[in-house]
PDB file of N, CA and C in Angstrom:
ATOM      1  N   UNK A   1      51.738 125.209 121.810  1.00  0.00           N
ATOM      2  CA  UNK A   1      51.696 125.169 123.252  1.00  0.00           C
ATOM      3  C   UNK A   1      52.727 126.168 123.777  1.00  0.00           C
ATOM      4  N   UNK A   2      52.278 126.995 124.673  1.00  0.00           N
ATOM      5  CA  UNK A   2      53.106 128.044 125.236  1.00  0.00           C
ATOM      6  C   UNK A   2      53.765 127.543 126.527  1.00  0.00           C
ATOM      7  N   UNK A   3      55.041 127.893 126.743  1.00  0.00           N
ATOM      8  CA  UNK A   3      55.742 127.553 127.980  1.00  0.00           C
ATOM      9  C   UNK A   3      56.211 128.843 128.632  1.00  0.00           C
ATOM     10  N   UNK A   4      55.894 129.007 129.912  1.00  0.00           N
ATOM     11  CA  UNK A   4      56.262 130.198 130.673  1.00  0.00           C
ATOM     12  C   UNK A   4      56.966 129.789 131.954  1.00  0.00           C
ATOM     13  N   UNK A   5      57.835 130.678 132.442  1.00  0.00           N
ATOM     14  CA  UNK A   5      58.421 130.398 133.745  1.00  0.00           C
ATOM     15  C   UNK A   5      57.423 130.792 134.835  1.00  0.00           C
ATOM     16  N   UNK A   6      57.696 130.400 136.039  1.00  0.00           N
ATOM     17  CA  UNK A   6      56.771 130.589 137.158  1.00  0.00           C
ATOM     18  C   UNK A   6      56.409 132.060 137.360  1.00  0.00           C
ATOM     19  N   UNK A   7      57.374 132.952 137.309  1.00  0.00           N
ATOM     20  CA  UNK A   7      57.112 134.373 137.531  1.00  0.00           C
ATOM     21  C   UNK A   7      56.203 134.939 136.439  1.00  0.00           C
ATOM     22  N   UNK A   8      56.459 134.595 135.191  1.00  0.00           N
ATOM     23  CA  UNK A   8      55.605 135.057 134.092  1.00  0.00           C
ATOM     24  C   UNK A   8      54.180 134.542 134.262  1.00  0.00           C
ATOM     25  N   UNK A   9      54.043 133.287 134.633  1.00  0.00           N
ATOM     26  CA  UNK A   9      52.710 132.696 134.807  1.00  0.00           C
ATOM     27  C   UNK A   9      51.954 133.397 135.932  1.00  0.00           C
ATOM     28  N   UNK A  10      52.651 133.665 137.018  1.00  0.00           N
ATOM     29  CA  UNK A  10      52.018 134.331 138.154  1.00  0.00           C
ATOM     30  C   UNK A  10      51.607 135.753 137.775  1.00  0.00           C
ATOM     31  N   UNK A  11      52.469 136.446 137.069  1.00  0.00           N
ATOM     32  CA  UNK A  11      52.208 137.830 136.675  1.00  0.00           C
ATOM     33  C   UNK A  11      51.053 137.934 135.689  1.00  0.00           C
ATOM     34  N   UNK A  12      50.932 136.973 134.792  1.00  0.00           N
ATOM     35  CA  UNK A  12      49.945 137.054 133.710  1.00  0.00           C
ATOM     36  C   UNK A  12      48.859 135.984 133.804  1.00  0.00           C
ATOM     37  N   UNK A  13      48.535 135.527 135.003  1.00  0.00           N
ATOM     38  CA  UNK A  13      47.568 134.442 135.146  1.00  0.00           C
ATOM     39  C   UNK A  13      46.224 134.763 134.507  1.00  0.00           C
ATOM     40  N   UNK A  14      45.709 135.956 134.724  1.00  0.00           N
ATOM     41  CA  UNK A  14      44.406 136.318 134.141  1.00  0.00           C
ATOM     42  C   UNK A  14      44.450 136.229 132.623  1.00  0.00           C
ATOM     43  N   UNK A  15      45.498 136.740 132.014  1.00  0.00           N
ATOM     44  CA  UNK A  15      45.643 136.700 130.562  1.00  0.00           C
ATOM     45  C   UNK A  15      45.741 135.260 130.071  1.00  0.00           C
ATOM     46  N   UNK A  16      46.438 134.418 130.823  1.00  0.00           N
ATOM     47  CA  UNK A  16      46.579 133.016 130.429  1.00  0.00           C
ATOM     48  C   UNK A  16      45.237 132.290 130.476  1.00  0.00           C
ATOM     49  N   UNK A  17      44.474 132.548 131.517  1.00  0.00           N
ATOM     50  CA  UNK A  17      43.148 131.922 131.639  1.00  0.00           C
ATOM     51  C   UNK A  17      42.238 132.398 130.511  1.00  0.00           C
ATOM     52  N   UNK A  18      42.302 133.683 130.178  1.00  0.00           N
ATOM     53  CA  UNK A  18      41.500 134.198 129.052  1.00  0.00           C
ATOM     54  C   UNK A  18      41.886 133.507 127.748  1.00  0.00           C
ATOM     55  N   UNK A  19      43.189 133.273 127.544  1.00  0.00           N
ATOM     56  CA  UNK A  19      43.642 132.591 126.327  1.00  0.00           C
ATOM     57  C   UNK A  19      43.087 131.171 126.264  1.00  0.00           C
ATOM     58  N   UNK A  20      43.007 130.508 127.402  1.00  0.00           N
ATOM     59  CA  UNK A  20      42.437 129.163 127.435  1.00  0.00           C
ATOM     60  C   UNK A  20      40.931 129.208 127.168  1.00  0.00           C
ATOM     61  N   UNK A  21      40.244 130.145 127.819  1.00  0.00           N
ATOM     62  CA  UNK A  21      38.790 130.261 127.642  1.00  0.00           C
ATOM     63  C   UNK A  21      38.415 130.562 126.200  1.00  0.00           C
ATOM     64  N   UNK A  22      39.180 131.428 125.554  1.00  0.00           N
ATOM     65  CA  UNK A  22      38.855 131.838 124.190  1.00  0.00           C
ATOM     66  C   UNK A  22      39.247 130.793 123.153  1.00  0.00           C
ATOM     67  N   UNK A  23      40.071 129.833 123.556  1.00  0.00           N
ATOM     68  CA  UNK A  23      40.524 128.823 122.616  1.00  0.00           C
ATOM     69  C   UNK A  23      41.808 129.203 121.899  1.00  0.00           C
ATOM     70  N   UNK A  24      42.385 130.375 122.244  1.00  0.00           N
ATOM     71  CA  UNK A  24      43.641 130.803 121.633  1.00  0.00           C
ATOM     72  C   UNK A  24      44.773 129.851 122.009  1.00  0.00           C
ATOM     73  N   UNK A  25      44.687 129.261 123.187  1.00  0.00           N
ATOM     74  CA  UNK A  25      45.661 128.269 123.653  1.00  0.00           C
ATOM     75  C   UNK A  25      44.899 127.038 124.129  1.00  0.00           C
ATOM     76  N   UNK A  26      45.408 125.876 123.828  1.00  0.00           N
ATOM     77  CA  UNK A  26      44.812 124.630 124.333  1.00  0.00           C
ATOM     78  C   UNK A  26      45.447 124.227 125.656  1.00  0.00           C
ATOM     79  N   UNK A  27      46.722 124.571 125.786  1.00  0.00           N
ATOM     80  CA  UNK A  27      47.473 124.124 126.948  1.00  0.00           C
ATOM     81  C   UNK A  27      48.644 125.080 127.155  1.00  0.00           C
ATOM     82  N   UNK A  28      48.970 125.344 128.418  1.00  0.00           N
ATOM     83  CA  UNK A  28      50.097 126.209 128.754  1.00  0.00           C
ATOM     84  C   UNK A  28      50.945 125.473 129.776  1.00  0.00           C
ATOM     85  N   UNK A  29      52.240 125.361 129.485  1.00  0.00           N
ATOM     86  CA  UNK A  29      53.160 124.714 130.412  1.00  0.00           C
ATOM     87  C   UNK A  29      53.827 125.770 131.277  1.00  0.00           C
ATOM     88  N   UNK A  30      53.991 125.452 132.556  1.00  0.00           N
ATOM     89  CA  UNK A  30      54.687 126.329 133.488  1.00  0.00           C
ATOM     90  C   UNK A  30      55.972 125.629 133.895  1.00  0.00           C
ATOM     91  N   UNK A  31      57.073 126.360 133.774  1.00  0.00           N
ATOM     92  CA  UNK A  31      58.388 125.777 134.044  1.00  0.00           C
ATOM     93  C   UNK A  31      59.024 126.411 135.272  1.00  0.00           C
ATOM     94  N   UNK A  32      59.829 125.632 135.938  1.00  0.00           N
ATOM     95  CA  UNK A  32      60.651 126.125 137.039  1.00  0.00           C
ATOM     96  C   UNK A  32      62.095 125.794 136.660  1.00  0.00           C
ATOM     97  N   UNK A  33      62.916 126.832 136.614  1.00  0.00           N
ATOM     98  CA  UNK A  33      64.317 126.670 136.217  1.00  0.00           C
ATOM     99  C   UNK A  33      64.432 125.998 134.851  1.00  0.00           C
ATOM    100  N   UNK A  34      63.501 126.375 133.935  1.00  0.00           N
ATOM    101  CA  UNK A  34      63.551 125.867 132.576  1.00  0.00           C
ATOM    102  C   UNK A  34      62.986 124.471 132.372  1.00  0.00           C
ATOM    103  N   UNK A  35      62.519 123.841 133.447  1.00  0.00           N
ATOM    104  CA  UNK A  35      61.980 122.477 133.343  1.00  0.00           C
ATOM    105  C   UNK A  35      60.468 122.506 133.566  1.00  0.00           C
ATOM    106  N   UNK A  36      59.669 122.045 132.622  1.00  0.00           N
ATOM    107  CA  UNK A  36      58.202 122.047 132.797  1.00  0.00           C
ATOM    108  C   UNK A  36      57.786 121.242 134.031  1.00  0.00           C
ATOM    109  N   UNK A  37      56.937 121.871 134.858  1.00  0.00           N
ATOM    110  CA  UNK A  37      56.489 121.206 136.086  1.00  0.00           C
ATOM    111  C   UNK A  37      54.967 121.208 136.256  1.00  0.00           C
ATOM    112  N   UNK A  38      54.270 122.050 135.485  1.00  0.00           N
ATOM    113  CA  UNK A  38      52.811 122.115 135.634  1.00  0.00           C
ATOM    114  C   UNK A  38      52.193 122.432 134.276  1.00  0.00           C
ATOM    115  N   UNK A  39      50.909 122.113 134.164  1.00  0.00           N
ATOM    116  CA  UNK A  39      50.190 122.326 132.911  1.00  0.00           C
ATOM    117  C   UNK A  39      48.850 122.995 133.214  1.00  0.00           C
ATOM    118  N   UNK A  40      48.561 124.080 132.513  1.00  0.00           N
ATOM    119  CA  UNK A  40      47.248 124.716 132.576  1.00  0.00           C
ATOM    120  C   UNK A  40      46.483 124.283 131.344  1.00  0.00           C
ATOM    121  N   UNK A  41      45.256 123.855 131.526  1.00  0.00           N
ATOM    122  CA  UNK A  41      44.432 123.495 130.383  1.00  0.00           C
ATOM    123  C   UNK A  41      42.983 123.838 130.688  1.00  0.00           C
ATOM    124  N   UNK A  42      42.218 124.011 129.631  1.00  0.00           N
ATOM    125  CA  UNK A  42      40.812 124.354 129.789  1.00  0.00           C
ATOM    126  C   UNK A  42      40.028 123.114 130.205  1.00  0.00           C
ATOM    127  N   UNK A  43      39.097 123.294 131.113  1.00  0.00           N
ATOM    128  CA  UNK A  43      38.224 122.196 131.521  1.00  0.00           C
ATOM    129  C   UNK A  43      37.231 121.896 130.412  1.00  0.00           C
ATOM    130  N   UNK A  44      36.866 120.658 130.306  1.00  0.00           N
ATOM    131  CA  UNK A  44      35.844 120.269 129.335  1.00  0.00           C
ATOM    132  C   UNK A  44      34.500 120.837 129.770  1.00  0.00           C
ATOM    133  N   UNK A  45      33.706 121.228 128.801  1.00  0.00           N
ATOM    134  CA  UNK A  45      32.381 121.742 129.121  1.00  0.00           C
ATOM    135  C   UNK A  45      31.528 120.590 129.639  1.00  0.00           C
ATOM    136  N   UNK A  46      30.740 120.840 130.690  1.00  0.00           N
ATOM    137  CA  UNK A  46      29.877 119.780 131.205  1.00  0.00           C
ATOM    138  C   UNK A  46      28.821 119.371 130.174  1.00  0.00           C
ATOM    139  N   UNK A  47      28.489 118.125 130.157  1.00  0.00           N
ATOM    140  CA  UNK A  47      27.495 117.610 129.230  1.00  0.00           C
ATOM    141  C   UNK A  47      26.105 117.912 129.781  1.00  0.00           C
ATOM    142  N   UNK A  48      25.455 118.901 129.208  1.00  0.00           N
ATOM    143  CA  UNK A  48      24.147 119.345 129.693  1.00  0.00           C
ATOM    144  C   UNK A  48      23.050 118.325 129.439  1.00  0.00           C
ATOM    145  N   UNK A  49      23.260 117.393 128.534  1.00  0.00           N
ATOM    146  CA  UNK A  49      22.202 116.440 128.205  1.00  0.00           C
ATOM    147  C   UNK A  49      21.885 115.515 129.382  1.00  0.00           C
ATOM    148  N   UNK A  50      22.822 115.304 130.271  1.00  0.00           N
ATOM    149  CA  UNK A  50      22.574 114.430 131.414  1.00  0.00           C
ATOM    150  C   UNK A  50      21.917 115.171 132.577  1.00  0.00           C
ATOM    151  N   UNK A  51      21.968 116.488 132.566  1.00  0.00           N
ATOM    152  CA  UNK A  51      21.427 117.274 133.660  1.00  0.00           C
ATOM    153  C   UNK A  51      19.897 117.330 133.615  1.00  0.00           C
ATOM    154  N   UNK A  52      19.340 117.515 132.453  1.00  0.00           N
ATOM    155  CA  UNK A  52      17.886 117.653 132.318  1.00  0.00           C
ATOM    156  C   UNK A  52      17.220 116.302 132.590  1.00  0.00           C
ATOM    157  N   UNK A  53      16.259 116.315 133.501  1.00  0.00           N
ATOM    158  CA  UNK A  53      15.511 115.108 133.804  1.00  0.00           C
ATOM    159  C   UNK A  53      16.215 114.149 134.738  1.00  0.00           C
ATOM    160  N   UNK A  54      17.271 114.624 135.401  1.00  0.00           N
ATOM    161  CA  UNK A  54      18.047 113.734 136.256  1.00  0.00           C
ATOM    162  C   UNK A  54      17.217 113.175 137.426  1.00  0.00           C
ATOM    163  N   UNK A  55      16.193 113.918 137.865  1.00  0.00           N
ATOM    164  CA  UNK A  55      15.382 113.471 138.994  1.00  0.00           C
ATOM    165  C   UNK A  55      14.056 112.855 138.552  1.00  0.00           C
ATOM    166  N   UNK A  56      13.900 112.632 137.274  1.00  0.00           N
ATOM    167  CA  UNK A  56      12.644 112.098 136.756  1.00  0.00           C
ATOM    168  C   UNK A  56      12.305 110.764 137.442  1.00  0.00           C
ATOM    169  N   UNK A  57      11.072 110.695 137.963  1.00  0.00           N
ATOM    170  CA  UNK A  57      10.610 109.473 138.614  1.00  0.00           C
ATOM    171  C   UNK A  57      11.025 109.348 140.072  1.00  0.00           C
ATOM    172  N   UNK A  58      11.781 110.284 140.599  1.00  0.00           N
ATOM    173  CA  UNK A  58      12.244 110.196 141.995  1.00  0.00           C
ATOM    174  C   UNK A  58      11.271 110.828 142.987  1.00  0.00           C
ATOM    175  N   UNK A  59      10.408 111.699 142.506  1.00  0.00           N
ATOM    176  CA  UNK A  59       9.400 112.291 143.381  1.00  0.00           C
ATOM    177  C   UNK A  59       8.194 112.682 142.555  1.00  0.00           C
ATOM    178  N   UNK A  60       7.096 112.916 143.246  1.00  0.00           N
ATOM    179  CA  UNK A  60       5.875 113.328 142.558  1.00  0.00           C
ATOM    180  C   UNK A  60       5.558 114.764 142.924  1.00  0.00           C
ATOM    181  N   UNK A  61       5.149 115.527 141.941  1.00  0.00           N
ATOM    182  CA  UNK A  61       4.756 116.908 142.167  1.00  0.00           C
ATOM    183  C   UNK A  61       3.262 116.911 142.480  1.00  0.00           C
ATOM    184  N   UNK A  62       2.887 117.430 143.660  1.00  0.00           N
ATOM    185  CA  UNK A  62       1.456 117.440 144.008  1.00  0.00           C
ATOM    186  C   UNK A  62       0.679 118.386 143.096  1.00  0.00           C
ATOM    187  N   UNK A  63      -0.595 118.088 142.892  1.00  0.00           N
ATOM    188  CA  UNK A  63      -1.442 118.906 142.026  1.00  0.00           C
ATOM    189  C   UNK A  63      -1.579 120.335 142.542  1.00  0.00           C
ATOM    190  N   UNK A  64      -1.492 120.523 143.863  1.00  0.00           N
ATOM    191  CA  UNK A  64      -1.685 121.860 144.441  1.00  0.00           C
ATOM    192  C   UNK A  64      -0.352 122.575 144.717  1.00  0.00           C
ATOM    193  N   UNK A  65       0.676 122.259 143.959  1.00  0.00           N
ATOM    194  CA  UNK A  65       1.994 122.845 144.208  1.00  0.00           C
ATOM    195  C   UNK A  65       1.983 124.374 144.112  1.00  0.00           C
ATOM    196  N   UNK A  66       1.125 124.929 143.286  1.00  0.00           N
ATOM    197  CA  UNK A  66       1.066 126.378 143.106  1.00  0.00           C
ATOM    198  C   UNK A  66       0.008 127.051 143.977  1.00  0.00           C
ATOM    199  N   UNK A  67      -0.599 126.328 144.879  1.00  0.00           N
ATOM    200  CA  UNK A  67      -1.710 126.855 145.672  1.00  0.00           C
ATOM    201  C   UNK A  67      -1.308 128.039 146.543  1.00  0.00           C
ATOM    202  N   UNK A  68      -0.065 128.106 146.989  1.00  0.00           N
ATOM    203  CA  UNK A  68       0.340 129.160 147.929  1.00  0.00           C
ATOM    204  C   UNK A  68       1.270 130.193 147.298  1.00  0.00           C
ATOM    205  N   UNK A  69       1.316 130.256 145.982  1.00  0.00           N
ATOM    206  CA  UNK A  69       2.217 131.196 145.303  1.00  0.00           C
ATOM    207  C   UNK A  69       1.969 132.645 145.710  1.00  0.00           C
ATOM    208  N   UNK A  70       0.697 133.059 145.795  1.00  0.00           N
ATOM    209  CA  UNK A  70       0.391 134.444 146.160  1.00  0.00           C
ATOM    210  C   UNK A  70       0.873 134.757 147.565  1.00  0.00           C
ATOM    211  N   UNK A  71       0.690 133.817 148.483  1.00  0.00           N
ATOM    212  CA  UNK A  71       1.122 134.016 149.872  1.00  0.00           C
ATOM    213  C   UNK A  71       2.654 134.123 149.967  1.00  0.00           C
ATOM    214  N   UNK A  72       3.349 133.277 149.236  1.00  0.00           N
ATOM    215  CA  UNK A  72       4.809 133.319 149.229  1.00  0.00           C
ATOM    216  C   UNK A  72       5.298 134.624 148.624  1.00  0.00           C
ATOM    217  N   UNK A  73       4.693 135.055 147.532  1.00  0.00           N
ATOM    218  CA  UNK A  73       5.071 136.310 146.903  1.00  0.00           C
ATOM    219  C   UNK A  73       4.879 137.481 147.849  1.00  0.00           C
ATOM    220  N   UNK A  74       3.788 137.465 148.612  1.00  0.00           N
ATOM    221  CA  UNK A  74       3.509 138.518 149.591  1.00  0.00           C
ATOM    222  C   UNK A  74       4.595 138.552 150.669  1.00  0.00           C
ATOM    223  N   UNK A  75       5.065 137.399 151.105  1.00  0.00           N
ATOM    224  CA  UNK A  75       6.104 137.339 152.133  1.00  0.00           C
ATOM    225  C   UNK A  75       7.417 137.973 151.644  1.00  0.00           C
ATOM    226  N   UNK A  76       7.710 137.834 150.371  1.00  0.00           N
ATOM    227  CA  UNK A  76       8.948 138.376 149.823  1.00  0.00           C
ATOM    228  C   UNK A  76       8.849 139.850 149.464  1.00  0.00           C
ATOM    229  N   UNK A  77       7.629 140.335 149.232  1.00  0.00           N
ATOM    230  CA  UNK A  77       7.474 141.718 148.811  1.00  0.00           C
ATOM    231  C   UNK A  77       6.938 142.619 149.889  1.00  0.00           C
ATOM    232  N   UNK A  78       6.612 142.087 151.029  1.00  0.00           N
ATOM    233  CA  UNK A  78       6.014 142.896 152.115  1.00  0.00           C
ATOM    234  C   UNK A  78       7.003 143.813 152.756  1.00  0.00           C
TER     235      UNK A  78
END
């Protein structure tokens, strides 16, 4: 775990975030006057398994949902 003072953290924030994203660092402590006061850490990746099908059963797709696709495409390309 890396500990930096406030000025170093501010100066190198992009590099610190890259280190967290790449997994080179799990956590970075930021100190003020030598005393740790804040912690930077990587966010957990969202669980994609709960996203798919979240609206299943909440609405019905009409059979003619694609009936106006050509008209809509014309509106965007005209």
